[in-house]
Amino acid sequence: MEEGMFIMIAIFGLVLIAHFFSLRAEKLSVKTKSKIRKMFWYFYGFYFLFYGIFKNIEDNWNVIGIIFILISLLVLVLNFLGKMETRSG
């Protein structure tokens, strides 16, 4: 019972923090939002690239690891070329 209550309070806390930051993000300029979005996609791409590499090292050429590497490289290249930017207006 105590574990369930702790998990519920922890999830409510995480939702509260996410909501706070999403309200703050609404007040940012379009240029700042674009910069933050670009940095997020770089972080996302590098995270999955390293995860795929470590998965392949751990399991000696795992198919899931190879898929992670390919998707992350696609995300990184598209972000670098500017194809993942949203059009506003």
N, C-alpha and C. Protein backbone atom coordinates (compact mmCIF):
# COMPACT_ATOMS: atom_id res chain seq x y z
N MET A 1 0.82 -1.20 0.00
CA MET A 1 0.00 0.00 0.00
C MET A 1 0.86 1.25 0.00
N GLU A 2 1.92 1.24 0.82
CA GLU A 2 2.77 2.42 0.90
C GLU A 2 3.54 2.64 -0.40
N GLU A 3 3.92 1.52 -1.06
CA GLU A 3 4.65 1.64 -2.32
C GLU A 3 3.77 2.28 -3.40
N GLY A 4 2.52 1.86 -3.45
CA GLY A 4 1.59 2.42 -4.43
C GLY A 4 1.35 3.90 -4.21
N MET A 5 1.25 4.29 -2.95
CA MET A 5 1.05 5.71 -2.63
C MET A 5 2.28 6.53 -3.02
N PHE A 6 3.47 5.98 -2.76
CA PHE A 6 4.71 6.67 -3.14
C PHE A 6 4.80 6.84 -4.65
N ILE A 7 4.47 5.79 -5.40
CA ILE A 7 4.52 5.86 -6.86
C ILE A 7 3.53 6.90 -7.37
N MET A 8 2.33 6.93 -6.82
CA MET A 8 1.32 7.90 -7.24
C MET A 8 1.80 9.34 -6.97
N ILE A 9 2.34 9.59 -5.80
CA ILE A 9 2.83 10.93 -5.46
C ILE A 9 4.01 11.31 -6.35
N ALA A 10 4.88 10.35 -6.64
CA ALA A 10 6.03 10.63 -7.51
C ALA A 10 5.57 10.99 -8.92
N ILE A 11 4.58 10.27 -9.43
CA ILE A 11 4.07 10.57 -10.77
C ILE A 11 3.39 11.93 -10.79
N PHE A 12 2.61 12.26 -9.78
CA PHE A 12 1.99 13.59 -9.70
C PHE A 12 3.06 14.67 -9.66
N GLY A 13 4.14 14.43 -8.94
CA GLY A 13 5.23 15.39 -8.87
C GLY A 13 5.89 15.60 -10.23
N LEU A 14 6.12 14.50 -10.96
CA LEU A 14 6.72 14.62 -12.29
C LEU A 14 5.80 15.35 -13.26
N VAL A 15 4.51 15.09 -13.18
CA VAL A 15 3.55 15.80 -14.03
C VAL A 15 3.52 17.28 -13.69
N LEU A 16 3.59 17.60 -12.41
CA LEU A 16 3.62 19.00 -11.97
C LEU A 16 4.85 19.72 -12.51
N ILE A 17 6.01 19.07 -12.45
CA ILE A 17 7.24 19.67 -12.96
C ILE A 17 7.16 19.85 -14.48
N ALA A 18 6.66 18.84 -15.19
CA ALA A 18 6.53 18.94 -16.65
C ALA A 18 5.56 20.06 -17.03
N HIS A 19 4.47 20.18 -16.31
CA HIS A 19 3.50 21.24 -16.58
C HIS A 19 4.11 22.62 -16.34
N PHE A 20 4.87 22.77 -15.27
CA PHE A 20 5.53 24.03 -14.97
C PHE A 20 6.45 24.45 -16.11
N PHE A 21 7.28 23.50 -16.59
CA PHE A 21 8.20 23.84 -17.67
C PHE A 21 7.49 24.08 -19.00
N SER A 22 6.37 23.38 -19.24
CA SER A 22 5.64 23.62 -20.48
C SER A 22 4.98 25.01 -20.47
N LEU A 23 4.52 25.47 -19.31
CA LEU A 23 3.97 26.82 -19.22
C LEU A 23 5.06 27.86 -19.45
N ARG A 24 6.25 27.61 -18.93
CA ARG A 24 7.37 28.54 -19.15
C ARG A 24 7.79 28.56 -20.61
N ALA A 25 7.71 27.41 -21.28
CA ALA A 25 8.14 27.32 -22.67
C ALA A 25 7.20 28.09 -23.61
N GLU A 26 5.94 28.25 -23.22
CA GLU A 26 5.01 29.01 -24.05
C GLU A 26 5.41 30.47 -24.19
N LYS A 27 6.09 31.00 -23.18
CA LYS A 27 6.45 32.42 -23.17
C LYS A 27 7.75 32.71 -23.92
N LEU A 28 8.45 31.67 -24.40
CA LEU A 28 9.71 31.88 -25.09
C LEU A 28 9.47 32.37 -26.52
N SER A 29 10.47 33.01 -27.07
CA SER A 29 10.35 33.47 -28.46
C SER A 29 10.48 32.28 -29.41
N VAL A 30 10.08 32.49 -30.65
CA VAL A 30 10.11 31.43 -31.65
C VAL A 30 11.55 30.99 -31.91
N LYS A 31 12.47 31.94 -31.91
CA LYS A 31 13.88 31.61 -32.15
C LYS A 31 14.44 30.73 -31.03
N THR A 32 14.10 31.04 -29.79
CA THR A 32 14.57 30.26 -28.66
C THR A 32 13.95 28.87 -28.68
N LYS A 33 12.66 28.77 -29.02
CA LYS A 33 12.01 27.47 -29.11
C LYS A 33 12.67 26.61 -30.18
N SER A 34 13.01 27.22 -31.30
CA SER A 34 13.66 26.50 -32.38
C SER A 34 15.03 25.99 -31.95
N LYS A 35 15.77 26.82 -31.22
CA LYS A 35 17.10 26.41 -30.74
C LYS A 35 16.98 25.25 -29.75
N ILE A 36 16.03 25.33 -28.83
CA ILE A 36 15.82 24.27 -27.85
C ILE A 36 15.40 22.98 -28.54
N ARG A 37 14.52 23.10 -29.54
CA ARG A 37 14.06 21.92 -30.28
C ARG A 37 15.22 21.26 -31.02
N LYS A 38 16.09 22.07 -31.61
CA LYS A 38 17.26 21.54 -32.33
C LYS A 38 18.20 20.81 -31.37
N MET A 39 18.43 21.38 -30.19
CA MET A 39 19.30 20.75 -29.21
C MET A 39 18.67 19.44 -28.70
N PHE A 40 17.34 19.43 -28.54
CA PHE A 40 16.66 18.20 -28.13
C PHE A 40 16.88 17.10 -29.15
N TRP A 41 16.75 17.38 -30.44
CA TRP A 41 16.91 16.35 -31.45
C TRP A 41 18.35 15.86 -31.52
N TYR A 42 19.33 16.75 -31.29
CA TYR A 42 20.73 16.30 -31.22
C TYR A 42 20.92 15.37 -30.02
N PHE A 43 20.39 15.73 -28.86
CA PHE A 43 20.49 14.88 -27.68
C PHE A 43 19.83 13.53 -27.94
N TYR A 44 18.65 13.56 -28.54
CA TYR A 44 17.89 12.34 -28.86
C TYR A 44 18.70 11.45 -29.79
N GLY A 45 19.26 12.03 -30.83
CA GLY A 45 20.03 11.26 -31.81
C GLY A 45 21.28 10.65 -31.20
N PHE A 46 22.04 11.45 -30.44
CA PHE A 46 23.26 10.92 -29.83
C PHE A 46 22.95 9.88 -28.75
N TYR A 47 21.88 10.09 -27.99
CA TYR A 47 21.50 9.11 -26.97
C TYR A 47 21.21 7.75 -27.60
N PHE A 48 20.40 7.73 -28.66
CA PHE A 48 20.07 6.46 -29.29
C PHE A 48 21.24 5.88 -30.07
N LEU A 49 22.13 6.73 -30.56
CA LEU A 49 23.33 6.23 -31.22
C LEU A 49 24.20 5.48 -30.22
N PHE A 50 24.46 6.07 -29.07
CA PHE A 50 25.27 5.42 -28.05
C PHE A 50 24.56 4.18 -27.49
N TYR A 51 23.25 4.26 -27.34
CA TYR A 51 22.50 3.10 -26.86
C TYR A 51 22.62 1.95 -27.85
N GLY A 52 22.50 2.23 -29.13
CA GLY A 52 22.63 1.18 -30.14
C GLY A 52 24.04 0.60 -30.18
N ILE A 53 25.05 1.46 -30.04
CA ILE A 53 26.43 0.97 -30.03
C ILE A 53 26.66 0.07 -28.81
N PHE A 54 26.23 0.50 -27.64
CA PHE A 54 26.42 -0.31 -26.44
C PHE A 54 25.62 -1.61 -26.51
N LYS A 55 24.43 -1.55 -27.13
CA LYS A 55 23.62 -2.76 -27.30
C LYS A 55 24.34 -3.76 -28.20
N ASN A 56 25.00 -3.26 -29.25
CA ASN A 56 25.74 -4.15 -30.14
C ASN A 56 26.99 -4.70 -29.48
N ILE A 57 27.65 -3.90 -28.67
CA ILE A 57 28.83 -4.39 -27.96
C ILE A 57 28.43 -5.46 -26.96
N GLU A 58 27.32 -5.23 -26.29
CA GLU A 58 26.85 -6.16 -25.26
C GLU A 58 26.40 -7.49 -25.85
N ASP A 59 25.64 -7.45 -26.95
CA ASP A 59 25.04 -8.67 -27.51
C ASP A 59 25.70 -9.15 -28.80
N ASN A 60 26.78 -8.50 -29.22
CA ASN A 60 27.51 -8.89 -30.43
C ASN A 60 26.61 -8.88 -31.67
N TRP A 61 26.34 -7.71 -32.18
CA TRP A 61 25.54 -7.42 -33.37
C TRP A 61 24.08 -7.81 -33.18
N ASN A 62 23.43 -7.07 -32.35
CA ASN A 62 22.01 -7.24 -32.09
C ASN A 62 21.22 -6.46 -33.15
N VAL A 63 20.14 -7.02 -33.66
CA VAL A 63 19.33 -6.38 -34.70
C VAL A 63 18.71 -5.09 -34.18
N ILE A 64 18.23 -5.11 -32.95
CA ILE A 64 17.62 -3.91 -32.36
C ILE A 64 18.66 -2.80 -32.25
N GLY A 65 19.89 -3.15 -31.86
CA GLY A 65 20.96 -2.16 -31.76
C GLY A 65 21.27 -1.53 -33.11
N ILE A 66 21.27 -2.33 -34.15
CA ILE A 66 21.53 -1.82 -35.50
C ILE A 66 20.40 -0.87 -35.93
N ILE A 67 19.16 -1.23 -35.61
CA ILE A 67 18.02 -0.36 -35.95
C ILE A 67 18.13 0.97 -35.20
N PHE A 68 18.52 0.92 -33.91
CA PHE A 68 18.71 2.14 -33.14
C PHE A 68 19.79 3.01 -33.77
N ILE A 69 20.87 2.41 -34.21
CA ILE A 69 21.96 3.17 -34.83
C ILE A 69 21.48 3.83 -36.12
N LEU A 70 20.76 3.09 -36.95
CA LEU A 70 20.28 3.65 -38.22
C LEU A 70 19.30 4.79 -38.01
N ILE A 71 18.36 4.62 -37.09
CA ILE A 71 17.39 5.68 -36.82
C ILE A 71 18.08 6.91 -36.25
N SER A 72 19.03 6.70 -35.34
CA SER A 72 19.71 7.85 -34.74
C SER A 72 20.55 8.59 -35.78
N LEU A 73 21.21 7.86 -36.66
CA LEU A 73 21.97 8.54 -37.71
C LEU A 73 21.04 9.33 -38.64
N LEU A 74 19.88 8.77 -38.95
CA LEU A 74 18.90 9.49 -39.77
C LEU A 74 18.45 10.77 -39.09
N VAL A 75 18.16 10.70 -37.78
CA VAL A 75 17.72 11.88 -37.03
C VAL A 75 18.83 12.93 -36.99
N LEU A 76 20.08 12.50 -36.75
CA LEU A 76 21.19 13.45 -36.68
C LEU A 76 21.44 14.13 -38.03
N VAL A 77 21.40 13.37 -39.11
CA VAL A 77 21.64 13.95 -40.44
C VAL A 77 20.52 14.90 -40.82
N LEU A 78 19.27 14.50 -40.60
CA LEU A 78 18.15 15.38 -40.94
C LEU A 78 18.15 16.65 -40.10
N ASN A 79 18.53 16.54 -38.85
CA ASN A 79 18.60 17.72 -37.99
C ASN A 79 19.73 18.64 -38.45
N PHE A 80 20.87 18.06 -38.81
CA PHE A 80 22.00 18.87 -39.28
C PHE A 80 21.65 19.59 -40.58
N LEU A 81 20.92 18.94 -41.47
CA LEU A 81 20.54 19.54 -42.74
C LEU A 81 19.37 20.52 -42.61
N GLY A 82 18.75 20.57 -41.44
CA GLY A 82 17.65 21.51 -41.21
C GLY A 82 16.30 21.01 -41.70
N LYS A 83 16.16 19.72 -41.93
CA LYS A 83 14.90 19.16 -42.44
C LYS A 83 13.89 18.88 -41.33
N MET A 84 14.31 18.97 -40.07
CA MET A 84 13.41 18.67 -38.96
C MET A 84 12.84 19.91 -38.31
N GLU A 85 13.06 21.06 -38.90
CA GLU A 85 12.53 22.31 -38.34
C GLU A 85 11.07 22.45 -38.73
N THR A 86 10.26 22.96 -37.81
CA THR A 86 8.85 23.17 -38.09
C THR A 86 8.66 24.53 -38.75
N ARG A 87 7.72 24.58 -39.62
CA ARG A 87 7.40 25.85 -40.29
C ARG A 87 6.32 26.56 -39.49
N SER A 88 6.54 27.82 -39.19
CA SER A 88 5.52 28.57 -38.45
C SER A 88 4.97 29.67 -39.34
N GLY A 89 3.68 29.87 -39.22
CA GLY A 89 3.08 30.96 -39.95
C GLY A 89 2.39 30.62 -41.15
